[in-house]
Amino acid sequence: MKVMGKMMKFIVNQAIARRILAFAAIGFFAAGTTVHAACNIINGKAYGDCAGTQINKGIKGHLTVRSSISESGIIAGATILKGGQLHLSGISNGDIEVHKGALLRLTGTVNGTVNNLDGNVEVEGTLNHLHTIGGKVIIGGSVKYASGKGCISYKKGAVVNEMPVNEATCKTGKQ
């Protein structure tokens, strides 16, 4: 019985979403109101104006970064060389190496390890493991495990080993 109830609720929610999009498409709301089309994808079926919408259909390979790159997709990992900058707002399912003179700005997720080889790392997203030997590391997001001899600066509110940081501190990676 519970399954039927959940199924009915799901069907009703889909119907409501379709009606809202239909009303928006015909300008049903107030006269003279600017209506913006929307794209809603439910169970692989597109509703509304989905022109120009891209869906990630696969994982990009391993990136070698020599310049400034912003990536919002799914990657297999990265190597950031001197002078390179990677802003990752997407997902890395592999390890990322940050060399001396390179920068990683993470607002997304790394499911592997970030190996900081004397570069600069800023984490506002989620990171499984950080290993640092030096350089500048600032954690404002969530790091499951940190290691290495390099100093790590933690912002108040960061989460390390599933525990919130109550004050800004600088510690070695061995925790």
N, C-alpha and C. Protein backbone atom coordinates (compact mmCIF):
# COMPACT_ATOMS: atom_id res chain seq x y z
N MET A 1 0.81 -1.19 0.00
CA MET A 1 0.00 0.00 0.00
C MET A 1 0.87 1.27 0.00
N LYS A 2 1.98 1.22 0.77
CA LYS A 2 2.86 2.38 0.82
C LYS A 2 3.48 2.65 -0.54
N VAL A 3 3.81 1.60 -1.27
CA VAL A 3 4.41 1.75 -2.59
C VAL A 3 3.44 2.45 -3.52
N MET A 4 2.17 2.07 -3.48
CA MET A 4 1.16 2.71 -4.33
C MET A 4 1.03 4.18 -3.98
N GLY A 5 1.06 4.51 -2.69
CA GLY A 5 0.97 5.91 -2.26
C GLY A 5 2.13 6.73 -2.77
N LYS A 6 3.34 6.19 -2.68
CA LYS A 6 4.52 6.90 -3.17
C LYS A 6 4.46 7.07 -4.68
N MET A 7 3.98 6.03 -5.38
CA MET A 7 3.88 6.11 -6.84
C MET A 7 2.87 7.18 -7.24
N MET A 8 1.75 7.24 -6.55
CA MET A 8 0.74 8.25 -6.86
C MET A 8 1.29 9.66 -6.61
N LYS A 9 1.99 9.83 -5.51
CA LYS A 9 2.58 11.13 -5.20
C LYS A 9 3.56 11.55 -6.29
N PHE A 10 4.38 10.61 -6.78
CA PHE A 10 5.34 10.89 -7.84
C PHE A 10 4.61 11.30 -9.12
N ILE A 11 3.56 10.58 -9.47
CA ILE A 11 2.79 10.89 -10.69
C ILE A 11 2.15 12.27 -10.58
N VAL A 12 1.60 12.59 -9.42
CA VAL A 12 0.97 13.89 -9.20
C VAL A 12 2.02 14.99 -9.32
N ASN A 13 3.20 14.80 -8.72
CA ASN A 13 4.26 15.81 -8.81
C ASN A 13 4.70 16.03 -10.25
N GLN A 14 4.78 14.96 -11.05
CA GLN A 14 5.13 15.11 -12.46
C GLN A 14 4.05 15.91 -13.19
N ALA A 15 2.80 15.63 -12.91
CA ALA A 15 1.70 16.33 -13.57
C ALA A 15 1.72 17.82 -13.21
N ILE A 16 1.99 18.14 -11.96
CA ILE A 16 2.05 19.54 -11.53
C ILE A 16 3.20 20.25 -12.24
N ALA A 17 4.36 19.61 -12.32
CA ALA A 17 5.51 20.21 -13.00
C ALA A 17 5.19 20.49 -14.46
N ARG A 18 4.50 19.54 -15.12
CA ARG A 18 4.13 19.73 -16.53
C ARG A 18 3.15 20.91 -16.69
N ARG A 19 2.19 21.04 -15.79
CA ARG A 19 1.22 22.14 -15.88
C ARG A 19 1.89 23.49 -15.68
N ILE A 20 2.79 23.59 -14.70
CA ILE A 20 3.49 24.85 -14.46
C ILE A 20 4.28 25.25 -15.69
N LEU A 21 4.99 24.30 -16.29
CA LEU A 21 5.75 24.61 -17.49
C LEU A 21 4.84 25.00 -18.65
N ALA A 22 3.71 24.35 -18.76
CA ALA A 22 2.77 24.68 -19.83
C ALA A 22 2.22 26.09 -19.64
N PHE A 23 1.85 26.44 -18.40
CA PHE A 23 1.34 27.79 -18.13
C PHE A 23 2.41 28.84 -18.42
N ALA A 24 3.64 28.56 -18.06
CA ALA A 24 4.72 29.50 -18.31
C ALA A 24 4.93 29.67 -19.81
N ALA A 25 4.82 28.58 -20.56
CA ALA A 25 5.05 28.63 -22.00
C ALA A 25 4.01 29.47 -22.73
N ILE A 26 2.77 29.48 -22.25
CA ILE A 26 1.74 30.26 -22.94
C ILE A 26 1.52 31.63 -22.31
N GLY A 27 2.34 31.95 -21.30
CA GLY A 27 2.23 33.27 -20.69
C GLY A 27 0.98 33.41 -19.84
N PHE A 28 0.56 32.35 -19.18
CA PHE A 28 -0.66 32.32 -18.39
C PHE A 28 -0.63 33.27 -17.21
N PHE A 29 0.52 33.51 -16.62
CA PHE A 29 0.59 34.28 -15.39
C PHE A 29 0.05 35.68 -15.61
N ALA A 30 0.56 36.74 -15.26
CA ALA A 30 -0.04 38.07 -15.38
C ALA A 30 0.17 38.65 -16.78
N ALA A 31 -0.81 39.41 -17.25
CA ALA A 31 -0.69 40.06 -18.55
C ALA A 31 0.46 41.06 -18.49
N GLY A 32 1.26 41.09 -19.54
CA GLY A 32 2.40 42.00 -19.59
C GLY A 32 3.63 41.48 -18.85
N THR A 33 3.52 40.31 -18.25
CA THR A 33 4.64 39.74 -17.52
C THR A 33 5.59 39.06 -18.50
N THR A 34 6.87 39.25 -18.28
CA THR A 34 7.86 38.56 -19.10
C THR A 34 7.94 37.12 -18.62
N VAL A 35 7.82 36.20 -19.56
CA VAL A 35 7.87 34.78 -19.21
C VAL A 35 9.16 34.20 -19.75
N HIS A 36 9.89 33.52 -18.88
CA HIS A 36 11.12 32.86 -19.28
C HIS A 36 10.85 31.37 -19.37
N ALA A 37 11.27 30.78 -20.47
CA ALA A 37 11.07 29.34 -20.63
C ALA A 37 12.04 28.58 -19.73
N ALA A 38 11.63 27.39 -19.36
CA ALA A 38 12.45 26.56 -18.49
C ALA A 38 12.57 25.18 -19.08
N CYS A 39 13.61 24.49 -18.66
CA CYS A 39 13.83 23.11 -19.07
C CYS A 39 13.78 22.24 -17.83
N ASN A 40 12.97 21.22 -17.88
CA ASN A 40 12.86 20.28 -16.78
C ASN A 40 12.93 18.88 -17.38
N ILE A 41 13.86 18.06 -16.86
CA ILE A 41 14.02 16.71 -17.39
C ILE A 41 13.63 15.74 -16.29
N ILE A 42 12.60 14.95 -16.56
CA ILE A 42 12.09 13.98 -15.60
C ILE A 42 12.17 12.60 -16.24
N ASN A 43 12.91 11.71 -15.59
CA ASN A 43 13.09 10.34 -16.10
C ASN A 43 13.52 10.31 -17.57
N GLY A 44 14.40 11.24 -17.94
CA GLY A 44 14.93 11.26 -19.29
C GLY A 44 14.04 11.94 -20.31
N LYS A 45 12.84 12.41 -19.93
CA LYS A 45 11.94 13.09 -20.85
C LYS A 45 12.01 14.60 -20.58
N ALA A 46 12.23 15.38 -21.63
CA ALA A 46 12.38 16.83 -21.50
C ALA A 46 11.03 17.52 -21.59
N TYR A 47 10.81 18.47 -20.69
CA TYR A 47 9.60 19.30 -20.69
C TYR A 47 10.05 20.75 -20.74
N GLY A 48 9.39 21.57 -21.55
CA GLY A 48 9.75 22.97 -21.66
C GLY A 48 10.77 23.19 -22.76
N ASP A 49 11.41 24.35 -22.70
CA ASP A 49 12.39 24.74 -23.71
C ASP A 49 13.77 24.26 -23.30
N CYS A 50 14.23 23.19 -23.89
CA CYS A 50 15.53 22.61 -23.56
C CYS A 50 16.56 22.86 -24.67
N ALA A 51 16.28 23.81 -25.56
CA ALA A 51 17.21 24.12 -26.64
C ALA A 51 18.52 24.62 -26.04
N GLY A 52 19.61 24.08 -26.49
CA GLY A 52 20.93 24.51 -26.02
C GLY A 52 21.35 23.87 -24.71
N THR A 53 20.53 23.02 -24.14
CA THR A 53 20.87 22.35 -22.89
C THR A 53 21.75 21.16 -23.19
N GLN A 54 22.83 21.05 -22.42
CA GLN A 54 23.73 19.92 -22.59
C GLN A 54 23.69 19.05 -21.36
N ILE A 55 23.70 17.77 -21.56
CA ILE A 55 23.71 16.81 -20.47
C ILE A 55 25.01 16.05 -20.54
N ASN A 56 25.70 15.95 -19.39
CA ASN A 56 26.95 15.20 -19.37
C ASN A 56 26.66 13.74 -19.69
N LYS A 57 27.22 13.26 -20.78
CA LYS A 57 26.95 11.89 -21.21
C LYS A 57 28.14 10.98 -20.97
N GLY A 58 29.20 11.51 -20.40
CA GLY A 58 30.35 10.67 -20.16
C GLY A 58 31.40 11.39 -19.35
N ILE A 59 32.44 10.69 -19.04
CA ILE A 59 33.52 11.24 -18.25
C ILE A 59 34.63 11.69 -19.19
N LYS A 60 35.10 12.91 -18.97
CA LYS A 60 36.25 13.38 -19.72
C LYS A 60 37.47 12.65 -19.18
N GLY A 61 38.46 12.54 -19.97
CA GLY A 61 39.67 11.85 -19.54
C GLY A 61 40.46 12.64 -18.51
N HIS A 62 41.68 12.22 -18.29
CA HIS A 62 42.60 12.89 -17.37
C HIS A 62 43.05 14.20 -17.99
N LEU A 63 42.93 15.32 -17.27
CA LEU A 63 43.32 16.62 -17.78
C LEU A 63 44.77 16.93 -17.42
N THR A 64 45.50 17.51 -18.36
CA THR A 64 46.80 18.09 -18.08
C THR A 64 46.64 19.59 -18.25
N VAL A 65 46.80 20.33 -17.14
CA VAL A 65 46.47 21.76 -17.11
C VAL A 65 47.76 22.58 -17.13
N ARG A 66 47.88 23.42 -18.18
CA ARG A 66 49.05 24.29 -18.32
C ARG A 66 48.67 25.77 -18.30
N SER A 67 47.36 26.05 -18.38
CA SER A 67 46.85 27.42 -18.39
C SER A 67 45.67 27.48 -17.43
N SER A 68 44.84 28.48 -17.55
CA SER A 68 43.69 28.62 -16.67
C SER A 68 42.48 27.91 -17.28
N ILE A 69 41.92 26.93 -16.54
CA ILE A 69 40.79 26.14 -17.03
C ILE A 69 39.72 26.10 -15.94
N SER A 70 38.47 26.22 -16.36
CA SER A 70 37.34 26.04 -15.46
C SER A 70 36.57 24.83 -15.96
N GLU A 71 36.37 23.84 -15.09
CA GLU A 71 35.73 22.59 -15.49
C GLU A 71 34.54 22.30 -14.59
N SER A 72 33.36 22.10 -15.21
CA SER A 72 32.15 21.80 -14.46
C SER A 72 31.62 20.39 -14.74
N GLY A 73 32.33 19.64 -15.55
CA GLY A 73 31.90 18.29 -15.89
C GLY A 73 32.53 17.24 -14.99
N ILE A 74 32.50 16.00 -15.47
CA ILE A 74 33.08 14.89 -14.74
C ILE A 74 34.40 14.54 -15.41
N ILE A 75 35.48 14.49 -14.62
CA ILE A 75 36.80 14.18 -15.17
C ILE A 75 37.36 12.94 -14.48
N ALA A 76 38.37 12.34 -15.10
CA ALA A 76 38.99 11.15 -14.55
C ALA A 76 40.19 11.48 -13.67
N GLY A 77 40.52 12.75 -13.50
CA GLY A 77 41.65 13.20 -12.71
C GLY A 77 42.36 14.32 -13.45
N ALA A 78 43.42 14.87 -12.83
CA ALA A 78 44.13 15.97 -13.47
C ALA A 78 45.54 16.08 -12.93
N THR A 79 46.41 16.65 -13.78
CA THR A 79 47.75 17.06 -13.38
C THR A 79 47.84 18.55 -13.71
N ILE A 80 48.08 19.36 -12.68
CA ILE A 80 48.17 20.81 -12.87
C ILE A 80 49.64 21.19 -12.78
N LEU A 81 50.19 21.67 -13.90
CA LEU A 81 51.61 21.99 -13.99
C LEU A 81 51.86 23.45 -13.64
N LYS A 82 53.11 23.82 -13.44
CA LYS A 82 53.50 25.18 -13.08
C LYS A 82 52.85 26.18 -14.04
N GLY A 83 52.21 27.19 -13.47
CA GLY A 83 51.52 28.20 -14.27
C GLY A 83 50.08 27.82 -14.59
N GLY A 84 49.69 26.59 -14.31
CA GLY A 84 48.34 26.13 -14.58
C GLY A 84 47.40 26.41 -13.41
N GLN A 85 46.14 26.64 -13.75
CA GLN A 85 45.10 26.87 -12.75
C GLN A 85 43.86 26.08 -13.15
N LEU A 86 43.33 25.32 -12.21
CA LEU A 86 42.10 24.56 -12.47
C LEU A 86 41.07 24.95 -11.45
N HIS A 87 39.93 25.47 -11.93
CA HIS A 87 38.77 25.68 -11.06
C HIS A 87 37.81 24.54 -11.37
N LEU A 88 37.69 23.61 -10.42
CA LEU A 88 36.85 22.45 -10.61
C LEU A 88 35.56 22.62 -9.82
N SER A 89 34.47 22.84 -10.54
CA SER A 89 33.15 22.90 -9.90
C SER A 89 32.37 21.62 -10.20
N GLY A 90 32.98 20.73 -10.93
CA GLY A 90 32.37 19.45 -11.27
C GLY A 90 32.87 18.35 -10.35
N ILE A 91 33.12 17.18 -10.93
CA ILE A 91 33.51 16.00 -10.15
C ILE A 91 34.77 15.39 -10.77
N SER A 92 35.72 15.02 -9.90
CA SER A 92 36.86 14.24 -10.34
C SER A 92 36.77 12.88 -9.68
N ASN A 93 36.70 11.84 -10.49
CA ASN A 93 36.67 10.48 -9.96
C ASN A 93 38.07 9.89 -9.83
N GLY A 94 39.09 10.68 -10.13
CA GLY A 94 40.48 10.24 -10.00
C GLY A 94 41.28 11.25 -9.20
N ASP A 95 42.57 10.97 -9.07
CA ASP A 95 43.46 11.83 -8.30
C ASP A 95 43.82 13.10 -9.07
N ILE A 96 44.18 14.14 -8.31
CA ILE A 96 44.63 15.40 -8.90
C ILE A 96 45.98 15.74 -8.29
N GLU A 97 46.98 16.00 -9.15
CA GLU A 97 48.32 16.43 -8.71
C GLU A 97 48.45 17.91 -8.96
N VAL A 98 48.92 18.64 -7.92
CA VAL A 98 49.12 20.08 -8.03
C VAL A 98 50.61 20.35 -7.84
N HIS A 99 51.28 20.75 -8.93
CA HIS A 99 52.72 20.97 -8.88
C HIS A 99 53.05 22.38 -8.39
N LYS A 100 54.31 22.60 -8.03
CA LYS A 100 54.78 23.90 -7.56
C LYS A 100 54.45 24.96 -8.61
N GLY A 101 53.88 26.08 -8.16
CA GLY A 101 53.51 27.17 -9.07
C GLY A 101 52.17 26.96 -9.74
N ALA A 102 51.40 25.95 -9.31
CA ALA A 102 50.08 25.66 -9.88
C ALA A 102 49.01 25.92 -8.83
N LEU A 103 47.75 26.04 -9.28
CA LEU A 103 46.63 26.32 -8.38
C LEU A 103 45.45 25.41 -8.68
N LEU A 104 44.88 24.83 -7.63
CA LEU A 104 43.61 24.11 -7.72
C LEU A 104 42.61 24.83 -6.85
N ARG A 105 41.51 25.27 -7.45
CA ARG A 105 40.40 25.86 -6.70
C ARG A 105 39.24 24.88 -6.85
N LEU A 106 38.89 24.22 -5.75
CA LEU A 106 37.87 23.18 -5.76
C LEU A 106 36.59 23.67 -5.11
N THR A 107 35.53 23.77 -5.91
CA THR A 107 34.20 24.04 -5.38
C THR A 107 33.27 22.86 -5.66
N GLY A 108 33.80 21.87 -6.31
CA GLY A 108 33.06 20.65 -6.63
C GLY A 108 33.46 19.52 -5.70
N THR A 109 33.67 18.33 -6.29
CA THR A 109 33.97 17.12 -5.51
C THR A 109 35.14 16.37 -6.13
N VAL A 110 36.06 15.90 -5.27
CA VAL A 110 37.12 15.00 -5.70
C VAL A 110 36.95 13.71 -4.92
N ASN A 111 36.64 12.64 -5.63
CA ASN A 111 36.45 11.33 -4.99
C ASN A 111 37.76 10.60 -4.75
N GLY A 112 38.85 11.13 -5.25
CA GLY A 112 40.17 10.54 -5.07
C GLY A 112 41.00 11.37 -4.12
N THR A 113 42.30 11.47 -4.42
CA THR A 113 43.26 12.20 -3.59
C THR A 113 43.78 13.42 -4.33
N VAL A 114 43.90 14.53 -3.63
CA VAL A 114 44.62 15.69 -4.15
C VAL A 114 46.01 15.63 -3.55
N ASN A 115 47.02 15.45 -4.41
CA ASN A 115 48.42 15.43 -4.00
C ASN A 115 49.00 16.81 -4.27
N ASN A 116 49.22 17.57 -3.19
CA ASN A 116 49.78 18.91 -3.34
C ASN A 116 51.30 18.82 -3.26
N LEU A 117 51.95 19.01 -4.39
CA LEU A 117 53.40 18.92 -4.48
C LEU A 117 54.00 20.32 -4.46
N ASP A 118 53.70 21.06 -3.40
CA ASP A 118 54.21 22.42 -3.17
C ASP A 118 53.47 23.48 -3.99
N GLY A 119 52.23 23.19 -4.40
CA GLY A 119 51.42 24.15 -5.13
C GLY A 119 50.46 24.87 -4.19
N ASN A 120 49.39 25.41 -4.77
CA ASN A 120 48.36 26.11 -4.01
C ASN A 120 47.03 25.40 -4.20
N VAL A 121 46.36 25.12 -3.07
CA VAL A 121 45.09 24.40 -3.11
C VAL A 121 44.08 25.14 -2.25
N GLU A 122 42.91 25.41 -2.82
CA GLU A 122 41.80 26.02 -2.09
C GLU A 122 40.61 25.09 -2.21
N VAL A 123 40.09 24.63 -1.07
CA VAL A 123 38.96 23.69 -1.08
C VAL A 123 37.75 24.35 -0.44
N GLU A 124 36.73 24.59 -1.24
CA GLU A 124 35.42 25.04 -0.74
C GLU A 124 34.39 23.96 -1.00
N GLY A 125 34.77 22.92 -1.69
CA GLY A 125 33.88 21.81 -2.01
C GLY A 125 34.12 20.63 -1.10
N THR A 126 34.08 19.43 -1.69
CA THR A 126 34.22 18.18 -0.93
C THR A 126 35.39 17.39 -1.49
N LEU A 127 36.24 16.92 -0.57
CA LEU A 127 37.45 16.22 -0.97
C LEU A 127 37.60 14.97 -0.11
N ASN A 128 37.88 13.85 -0.75
CA ASN A 128 38.07 12.59 -0.02
C ASN A 128 39.38 12.61 0.77
N HIS A 129 40.52 12.87 0.11
CA HIS A 129 41.82 12.82 0.77
C HIS A 129 42.73 13.92 0.23
N LEU A 130 43.37 14.63 1.13
CA LEU A 130 44.35 15.64 0.77
C LEU A 130 45.69 15.22 1.33
N HIS A 131 46.71 15.14 0.46
CA HIS A 131 48.08 14.88 0.89
C HIS A 131 48.90 16.07 0.44
N THR A 132 49.59 16.73 1.38
CA THR A 132 50.36 17.92 1.03
C THR A 132 51.77 17.83 1.59
N ILE A 133 52.73 18.21 0.74
CA ILE A 133 54.13 18.26 1.21
C ILE A 133 54.58 19.69 1.42
N GLY A 134 53.78 20.65 0.99
CA GLY A 134 54.13 22.06 1.14
C GLY A 134 53.22 22.91 0.28
N GLY A 135 53.58 24.17 0.14
CA GLY A 135 52.75 25.09 -0.61
C GLY A 135 51.70 25.71 0.29
N LYS A 136 50.68 26.25 -0.32
CA LYS A 136 49.62 26.94 0.42
C LYS A 136 48.32 26.15 0.27
N VAL A 137 47.74 25.76 1.39
CA VAL A 137 46.48 25.01 1.38
C VAL A 137 45.48 25.70 2.30
N ILE A 138 44.30 26.00 1.77
CA ILE A 138 43.23 26.60 2.56
C ILE A 138 41.99 25.74 2.41
N ILE A 139 41.47 25.26 3.54
CA ILE A 139 40.27 24.41 3.53
C ILE A 139 39.11 25.20 4.14
N GLY A 140 38.08 25.38 3.35
CA GLY A 140 36.85 26.00 3.83
C GLY A 140 35.67 25.06 3.65
N GLY A 141 35.89 23.97 2.95
CA GLY A 141 34.84 22.99 2.68
C GLY A 141 35.00 21.76 3.55
N SER A 142 34.86 20.59 2.94
CA SER A 142 34.90 19.33 3.68
C SER A 142 36.00 18.42 3.14
N VAL A 143 36.88 17.97 4.05
CA VAL A 143 37.95 17.03 3.71
C VAL A 143 37.81 15.83 4.62
N LYS A 144 37.66 14.66 4.01
CA LYS A 144 37.48 13.45 4.81
C LYS A 144 38.76 13.08 5.56
N TYR A 145 39.92 13.21 4.89
CA TYR A 145 41.18 12.80 5.50
C TYR A 145 42.31 13.68 4.96
N ALA A 146 43.17 14.19 5.86
CA ALA A 146 44.30 15.01 5.46
C ALA A 146 45.59 14.37 5.97
N SER A 147 46.65 14.41 5.14
CA SER A 147 47.94 13.84 5.53
C SER A 147 49.06 14.65 4.91
N GLY A 148 50.28 14.38 5.37
CA GLY A 148 51.46 15.03 4.82
C GLY A 148 52.08 16.00 5.81
N LYS A 149 53.26 16.53 5.44
CA LYS A 149 53.99 17.41 6.35
C LYS A 149 53.71 18.89 6.11
N GLY A 150 52.97 19.22 5.06
CA GLY A 150 52.69 20.61 4.75
C GLY A 150 51.64 21.20 5.68
N CYS A 151 51.68 22.53 5.81
CA CYS A 151 50.73 23.25 6.66
C CYS A 151 49.41 23.44 5.92
N ILE A 152 48.32 23.23 6.64
CA ILE A 152 46.98 23.40 6.09
C ILE A 152 46.25 24.43 6.93
N SER A 153 45.73 25.47 6.28
CA SER A 153 44.94 26.48 6.97
C SER A 153 43.46 26.11 6.86
N TYR A 154 42.79 26.10 7.99
CA TYR A 154 41.37 25.76 8.03
C TYR A 154 40.56 27.00 8.36
N LYS A 155 39.52 27.24 7.57
CA LYS A 155 38.60 28.32 7.87
C LYS A 155 37.58 27.83 8.90
N LYS A 156 37.07 28.75 9.69
CA LYS A 156 36.01 28.40 10.62
C LYS A 156 34.82 27.88 9.81
N GLY A 157 34.28 26.75 10.22
CA GLY A 157 33.16 26.14 9.51
C GLY A 157 33.56 25.01 8.58
N ALA A 158 34.87 24.86 8.34
CA ALA A 158 35.34 23.73 7.53
C ALA A 158 35.04 22.43 8.27
N VAL A 159 34.97 21.34 7.52
CA VAL A 159 34.71 20.03 8.12
C VAL A 159 35.88 19.11 7.77
N VAL A 160 36.53 18.58 8.81
CA VAL A 160 37.67 17.69 8.61
C VAL A 160 37.44 16.43 9.44
N ASN A 161 37.60 15.28 8.80
CA ASN A 161 37.32 14.01 9.47
C ASN A 161 35.92 14.00 10.10
N GLU A 162 34.97 14.59 9.38
CA GLU A 162 33.57 14.66 9.79
C GLU A 162 33.34 15.47 11.06
N MET A 163 34.31 16.32 11.42
CA MET A 163 34.20 17.19 12.59
C MET A 163 34.34 18.65 12.13
N PRO A 164 33.42 19.54 12.57
CA PRO A 164 33.54 20.95 12.17
C PRO A 164 34.72 21.64 12.86
N VAL A 165 35.34 22.57 12.15
CA VAL A 165 36.44 23.37 12.70
C VAL A 165 35.81 24.62 13.31
N ASN A 166 36.09 24.85 14.58
CA ASN A 166 35.45 25.96 15.30
C ASN A 166 36.19 27.28 15.20
N GLU A 167 37.46 27.25 14.81
CA GLU A 167 38.22 28.49 14.65
C GLU A 167 39.24 28.30 13.54
N ALA A 168 39.63 29.41 12.92
CA ALA A 168 40.62 29.35 11.85
C ALA A 168 41.95 28.90 12.45
N THR A 169 42.55 27.86 11.87
CA THR A 169 43.80 27.31 12.40
C THR A 169 44.72 26.92 11.26
N CYS A 170 45.99 26.69 11.60
CA CYS A 170 46.96 26.15 10.66
C CYS A 170 47.62 24.96 11.31
N LYS A 171 47.48 23.79 10.69
CA LYS A 171 48.03 22.55 11.22
C LYS A 171 48.72 21.80 10.11
N THR A 172 49.57 20.86 10.51
CA THR A 172 50.16 19.97 9.51
C THR A 172 49.09 18.99 9.07
N GLY A 173 49.33 18.35 7.95
CA GLY A 173 48.33 17.43 7.40
C GLY A 173 48.11 16.18 8.20
N LYS A 174 49.00 15.83 9.14
CA LYS A 174 48.87 14.58 9.91
C LYS A 174 47.76 14.74 10.93
N GLN A 175 46.59 14.19 10.61
CA GLN A 175 45.43 14.29 11.52
C GLN A 175 44.64 13.02 11.52
